[in-house]
């Protein structure tokens, strides 16, 4: 079990620039290193209408692009709600970028009432993500958003 209060303090210290690109890279590297049983941690960014484009990540090469009507990331983007999936093989439309992935947590990132992107975490362990994990990761996303200038470049340009 992760100590998310400690991780939040560490991430606040780590994100010492307003640059969104640097902060996405730092955040996914930090999460992948500090949280156990993950095989992928990264960002997908909305840079095209109803489509997510691969951003900074840690793990094996990933699927790109992802339409809003595909997979767990697409569901998070469409609903703007965190998706916590205990068994990705039971999720309709799951995109199998890494056959080893068994569970997934995807947190949408909304800025100025627009979807900016999502943070995607995959685990090779079924039922890896608890409600506590969800709240903790959502808090880390809040820290990322507060630390970053997400208005440049425009998420829809």
C-alpha atoms as a PDB file:
ATOM      1  CA  UNK A   1       0.000   0.000   0.000  1.00  0.00           C
ATOM      2  CA  UNK A   2       1.385   3.372  -1.001  1.00  0.00           C
ATOM      3  CA  UNK A   3       1.583   6.363   1.319  1.00  0.00           C
ATOM      4  CA  UNK A   4      -0.107   8.836  -0.998  1.00  0.00           C
ATOM      5  CA  UNK A   5       0.261  11.779   1.403  1.00  0.00           C
ATOM      6  CA  UNK A   6       4.044  11.325   1.268  1.00  0.00           C
ATOM      7  CA  UNK A   7       3.972  10.803  -2.503  1.00  0.00           C
ATOM      8  CA  UNK A   8       1.944  14.011  -2.895  1.00  0.00           C
ATOM      9  CA  UNK A   9       4.527  16.012  -0.944  1.00  0.00           C
ATOM     10  CA  UNK A  10       7.355  14.484  -2.976  1.00  0.00           C
ATOM     11  CA  UNK A  11       5.636  15.235  -6.288  1.00  0.00           C
ATOM     12  CA  UNK A  12       4.960  18.847  -5.238  1.00  0.00           C
ATOM     13  CA  UNK A  13       8.687  19.247  -4.615  1.00  0.00           C
ATOM     14  CA  UNK A  14       9.680  17.487  -7.832  1.00  0.00           C
ATOM     15  CA  UNK A  15       7.523  19.640 -10.107  1.00  0.00           C
ATOM     16  CA  UNK A  16       9.596  22.812  -9.879  1.00  0.00           C
ATOM     17  CA  UNK A  17       8.743  24.248 -13.315  1.00  0.00           C
ATOM     18  CA  UNK A  18       5.496  25.352 -14.991  1.00  0.00           C
ATOM     19  CA  UNK A  19       6.430  23.512 -18.217  1.00  0.00           C
ATOM     20  CA  UNK A  20       3.769  20.900 -18.928  1.00  0.00           C
ATOM     21  CA  UNK A  21       6.080  18.702 -20.995  1.00  0.00           C
ATOM     22  CA  UNK A  22       8.719  18.491 -18.276  1.00  0.00           C
ATOM     23  CA  UNK A  23       6.036  17.904 -15.659  1.00  0.00           C
ATOM     24  CA  UNK A  24       4.356  15.077 -17.601  1.00  0.00           C
ATOM     25  CA  UNK A  25       7.713  13.355 -17.998  1.00  0.00           C
ATOM     26  CA  UNK A  26       8.591  13.821 -14.327  1.00  0.00           C
ATOM     27  CA  UNK A  27       5.156  12.740 -13.106  1.00  0.00           C
ATOM     28  CA  UNK A  28       4.972   9.475 -15.043  1.00  0.00           C
ATOM     29  CA  UNK A  29       8.581   8.573 -14.154  1.00  0.00           C
ATOM     30  CA  UNK A  30       7.872   9.343 -10.487  1.00  0.00           C
ATOM     31  CA  UNK A  31       4.684   7.272 -10.408  1.00  0.00           C
ATOM     32  CA  UNK A  32       6.242   4.321 -12.255  1.00  0.00           C
ATOM     33  CA  UNK A  33       9.185   4.314  -9.838  1.00  0.00           C
ATOM     34  CA  UNK A  34       7.276   4.895  -6.587  1.00  0.00           C
ATOM     35  CA  UNK A  35       4.121   2.816  -7.017  1.00  0.00           C
ATOM     36  CA  UNK A  36       4.452  -0.951  -7.147  1.00  0.00           C
ATOM     37  CA  UNK A  37       3.046  -3.446  -9.622  1.00  0.00           C
ATOM     38  CA  UNK A  38       2.881  -1.089 -12.604  1.00  0.00           C
ATOM     39  CA  UNK A  39       4.069  -2.038 -16.069  1.00  0.00           C
ATOM     40  CA  UNK A  40       3.091   1.270 -17.722  1.00  0.00           C
ATOM     41  CA  UNK A  41       2.508   4.847 -16.594  1.00  0.00           C
ATOM     42  CA  UNK A  42       1.988   7.718 -18.966  1.00  0.00           C
ATOM     43  CA  UNK A  43      -0.027  10.493 -20.480  1.00  0.00           C
ATOM     44  CA  UNK A  44      -2.254  10.653 -23.503  1.00  0.00           C
ATOM     45  CA  UNK A  45      -3.009  14.196 -24.664  1.00  0.00           C
ATOM     46  CA  UNK A  46      -5.975  15.550 -26.573  1.00  0.00           C
ATOM     47  CA  UNK A  47      -4.363  17.210 -29.570  1.00  0.00           C
ATOM     48  CA  UNK A  48      -6.996  16.243 -32.160  1.00  0.00           C
ATOM     49  CA  UNK A  49     -10.789  16.213 -31.856  1.00  0.00           C
ATOM     50  CA  UNK A  50     -12.039  13.130 -29.956  1.00  0.00           C
ATOM     51  CA  UNK A  51      -8.582  11.549 -30.181  1.00  0.00           C
ATOM     52  CA  UNK A  52      -5.821  11.002 -27.630  1.00  0.00           C
ATOM     53  CA  UNK A  53      -2.185  11.220 -28.745  1.00  0.00           C
ATOM     54  CA  UNK A  54       0.645   9.515 -26.881  1.00  0.00           C
ATOM     55  CA  UNK A  55       2.619  11.755 -24.548  1.00  0.00           C
ATOM     56  CA  UNK A  56       5.472  11.079 -22.135  1.00  0.00           C
ATOM     57  CA  UNK A  57       5.390   7.611 -20.568  1.00  0.00           C
ATOM     58  CA  UNK A  58       7.381   4.889 -18.812  1.00  0.00           C
ATOM     59  CA  UNK A  59       7.047   1.317 -20.080  1.00  0.00           C
ATOM     60  CA  UNK A  60       6.840  -0.590 -23.341  1.00  0.00           C
ATOM     61  CA  UNK A  61       5.947   1.240 -26.572  1.00  0.00           C
ATOM     62  CA  UNK A  62       2.267   2.147 -26.532  1.00  0.00           C
ATOM     63  CA  UNK A  63      -0.777   2.351 -28.763  1.00  0.00           C
ATOM     64  CA  UNK A  64      -1.264   5.603 -30.638  1.00  0.00           C
ATOM     65  CA  UNK A  65      -3.617   7.290 -31.393  1.00  0.00           C
ATOM     66  CA  UNK A  66      -6.621   6.325 -29.241  1.00  0.00           C
ATOM     67  CA  UNK A  67     -10.088   7.397 -30.334  1.00  0.00           C
ATOM     68  CA  UNK A  68     -12.514   8.430 -27.606  1.00  0.00           C
ATOM     69  CA  UNK A  69     -14.712   5.420 -28.444  1.00  0.00           C
ATOM     70  CA  UNK A  70     -11.907   2.913 -27.781  1.00  0.00           C
ATOM     71  CA  UNK A  71     -10.544   1.399 -24.598  1.00  0.00           C
ATOM     72  CA  UNK A  72     -10.319   2.542 -21.009  1.00  0.00           C
ATOM     73  CA  UNK A  73      -8.525   5.774 -21.963  1.00  0.00           C
ATOM     74  CA  UNK A  74     -11.269   6.628 -24.425  1.00  0.00           C
ATOM     75  CA  UNK A  75     -13.920   5.967 -21.775  1.00  0.00           C
ATOM     76  CA  UNK A  76     -12.146   8.298 -19.321  1.00  0.00           C
ATOM     77  CA  UNK A  77     -11.840  10.971 -22.005  1.00  0.00           C
ATOM     78  CA  UNK A  78     -15.487  10.684 -23.045  1.00  0.00           C
ATOM     79  CA  UNK A  79     -16.976  10.640 -19.537  1.00  0.00           C
ATOM     80  CA  UNK A  80     -14.322  12.844 -17.900  1.00  0.00           C
ATOM     81  CA  UNK A  81     -14.468  10.397 -15.004  1.00  0.00           C
ATOM     82  CA  UNK A  82     -11.745   8.174 -13.600  1.00  0.00           C
ATOM     83  CA  UNK A  83     -11.929   4.618 -14.895  1.00  0.00           C
ATOM     84  CA  UNK A  84     -10.751   1.899 -12.491  1.00  0.00           C
ATOM     85  CA  UNK A  85     -10.838  -1.481 -14.209  1.00  0.00           C
ATOM     86  CA  UNK A  86     -10.116  -4.645 -12.220  1.00  0.00           C
ATOM     87  CA  UNK A  87      -9.863  -6.886 -15.318  1.00  0.00           C
ATOM     88  CA  UNK A  88      -9.122  -5.189 -18.624  1.00  0.00           C
ATOM     89  CA  UNK A  89      -9.999  -8.361 -20.534  1.00  0.00           C
ATOM     90  CA  UNK A  90     -13.602  -7.947 -19.336  1.00  0.00           C
ATOM     91  CA  UNK A  91     -13.735  -4.273 -20.442  1.00  0.00           C
ATOM     92  CA  UNK A  92     -15.609  -3.828 -23.747  1.00  0.00           C
ATOM     93  CA  UNK A  93     -13.327  -2.385 -26.407  1.00  0.00           C
ATOM     94  CA  UNK A  94     -10.139  -2.758 -24.355  1.00  0.00           C
ATOM     95  CA  UNK A  95      -7.022  -1.981 -26.373  1.00  0.00           C
ATOM     96  CA  UNK A  96      -4.294  -4.524 -25.638  1.00  0.00           C
ATOM     97  CA  UNK A  97      -1.085  -2.540 -26.085  1.00  0.00           C
ATOM     98  CA  UNK A  98       0.745  -4.849 -23.658  1.00  0.00           C
ATOM     99  CA  UNK A  99      -0.647  -8.365 -23.302  1.00  0.00           C
ATOM    100  CA  UNK A 100       0.748  -8.470 -19.745  1.00  0.00           C
ATOM    101  CA  UNK A 101      -1.608  -5.715 -18.547  1.00  0.00           C
ATOM    102  CA  UNK A 102      -4.483  -7.010 -16.449  1.00  0.00           C
ATOM    103  CA  UNK A 103      -5.867  -3.942 -14.641  1.00  0.00           C
ATOM    104  CA  UNK A 104      -5.930  -0.242 -15.414  1.00  0.00           C
ATOM    105  CA  UNK A 105      -6.566   3.142 -13.825  1.00  0.00           C
ATOM    106  CA  UNK A 106      -7.146   6.183 -16.057  1.00  0.00           C
ATOM    107  CA  UNK A 107      -7.630   9.693 -14.649  1.00  0.00           C
ATOM    108  CA  UNK A 108      -8.918  12.455 -16.955  1.00  0.00           C
ATOM    109  CA  UNK A 109      -7.160  15.831 -16.862  1.00  0.00           C
ATOM    110  CA  UNK A 110      -9.517  18.774 -17.368  1.00  0.00           C
ATOM    111  CA  UNK A 111      -8.264  22.354 -17.698  1.00  0.00           C
ATOM    112  CA  UNK A 112     -10.491  25.393 -18.300  1.00  0.00           C
ATOM    113  CA  UNK A 113     -13.441  22.997 -18.678  1.00  0.00           C
ATOM    114  CA  UNK A 114     -11.713  21.252 -21.618  1.00  0.00           C
ATOM    115  CA  UNK A 115     -10.233  17.771 -21.649  1.00  0.00           C
ATOM    116  CA  UNK A 116      -6.452  18.215 -21.752  1.00  0.00           C
ATOM    117  CA  UNK A 117      -5.556  14.520 -21.612  1.00  0.00           C
ATOM    118  CA  UNK A 118      -5.481  11.488 -19.335  1.00  0.00           C
ATOM    119  CA  UNK A 119      -3.009   9.788 -17.021  1.00  0.00           C
ATOM    120  CA  UNK A 120      -3.009   6.051 -17.723  1.00  0.00           C
ATOM    121  CA  UNK A 121      -1.634   3.412 -15.339  1.00  0.00           C
ATOM    122  CA  UNK A 122      -1.478  -0.290 -16.225  1.00  0.00           C
ATOM    123  CA  UNK A 123      -0.663  -3.242 -14.004  1.00  0.00           C
ATOM    124  CA  UNK A 124       0.084  -6.891 -14.729  1.00  0.00           C
ATOM    125  CA  UNK A 125      -1.833  -7.749 -11.530  1.00  0.00           C
ATOM    126  CA  UNK A 126      -5.615  -8.175 -11.712  1.00  0.00           C
ATOM    127  CA  UNK A 127      -7.538  -5.892  -9.348  1.00  0.00           C
ATOM    128  CA  UNK A 128      -4.367  -3.868  -8.669  1.00  0.00           C
ATOM    129  CA  UNK A 129      -6.106  -0.542  -8.051  1.00  0.00           C
ATOM    130  CA  UNK A 130      -8.195   0.075  -4.935  1.00  0.00           C
ATOM    131  CA  UNK A 131     -10.404   3.042  -4.083  1.00  0.00           C
ATOM    132  CA  UNK A 132      -7.472   4.374  -2.012  1.00  0.00           C
ATOM    133  CA  UNK A 133      -5.208   4.095  -5.058  1.00  0.00           C
ATOM    134  CA  UNK A 134      -7.777   5.930  -7.147  1.00  0.00           C
ATOM    135  CA  UNK A 135      -8.043   8.802  -4.635  1.00  0.00           C
ATOM    136  CA  UNK A 136      -4.255   8.931  -4.252  1.00  0.00           C
ATOM    137  CA  UNK A 137      -3.583   9.025  -7.995  1.00  0.00           C
ATOM    138  CA  UNK A 138      -6.328  11.604  -8.509  1.00  0.00           C
ATOM    139  CA  UNK A 139      -4.561  13.749  -5.897  1.00  0.00           C
ATOM    140  CA  UNK A 140      -1.258  13.361  -7.765  1.00  0.00           C
ATOM    141  CA  UNK A 141      -3.018  14.499 -10.955  1.00  0.00           C
ATOM    142  CA  UNK A 142      -4.353  17.554  -9.087  1.00  0.00           C
ATOM    143  CA  UNK A 143      -0.779  18.387  -8.056  1.00  0.00           C
ATOM    144  CA  UNK A 144       0.408  17.983 -11.660  1.00  0.00           C
ATOM    145  CA  UNK A 145      -2.362  20.297 -12.917  1.00  0.00           C
ATOM    146  CA  UNK A 146      -1.678  22.948 -10.250  1.00  0.00           C
ATOM    147  CA  UNK A 147       2.057  22.893 -11.035  1.00  0.00           C
ATOM    148  CA  UNK A 148       1.736  23.029 -14.824  1.00  0.00           C
ATOM    149  CA  UNK A 149       0.874  25.630 -17.434  1.00  0.00           C
ATOM    150  CA  UNK A 150      -1.595  23.571 -19.437  1.00  0.00           C
ATOM    151  CA  UNK A 151      -2.695  26.463 -21.625  1.00  0.00           C
ATOM    152  CA  UNK A 152       0.439  26.386 -23.775  1.00  0.00           C
ATOM    153  CA  UNK A 153       0.308  24.866 -26.326  1.00  0.00           C
ATOM    154  CA  UNK A 154      -3.453  24.730 -26.711  1.00  0.00           C
ATOM    155  CA  UNK A 155      -4.849  21.255 -26.174  1.00  0.00           C
ATOM    156  CA  UNK A 156      -7.024  21.619 -29.269  1.00  0.00           C
ATOM    157  CA  UNK A 157      -4.484  23.139 -31.642  1.00  0.00           C
END
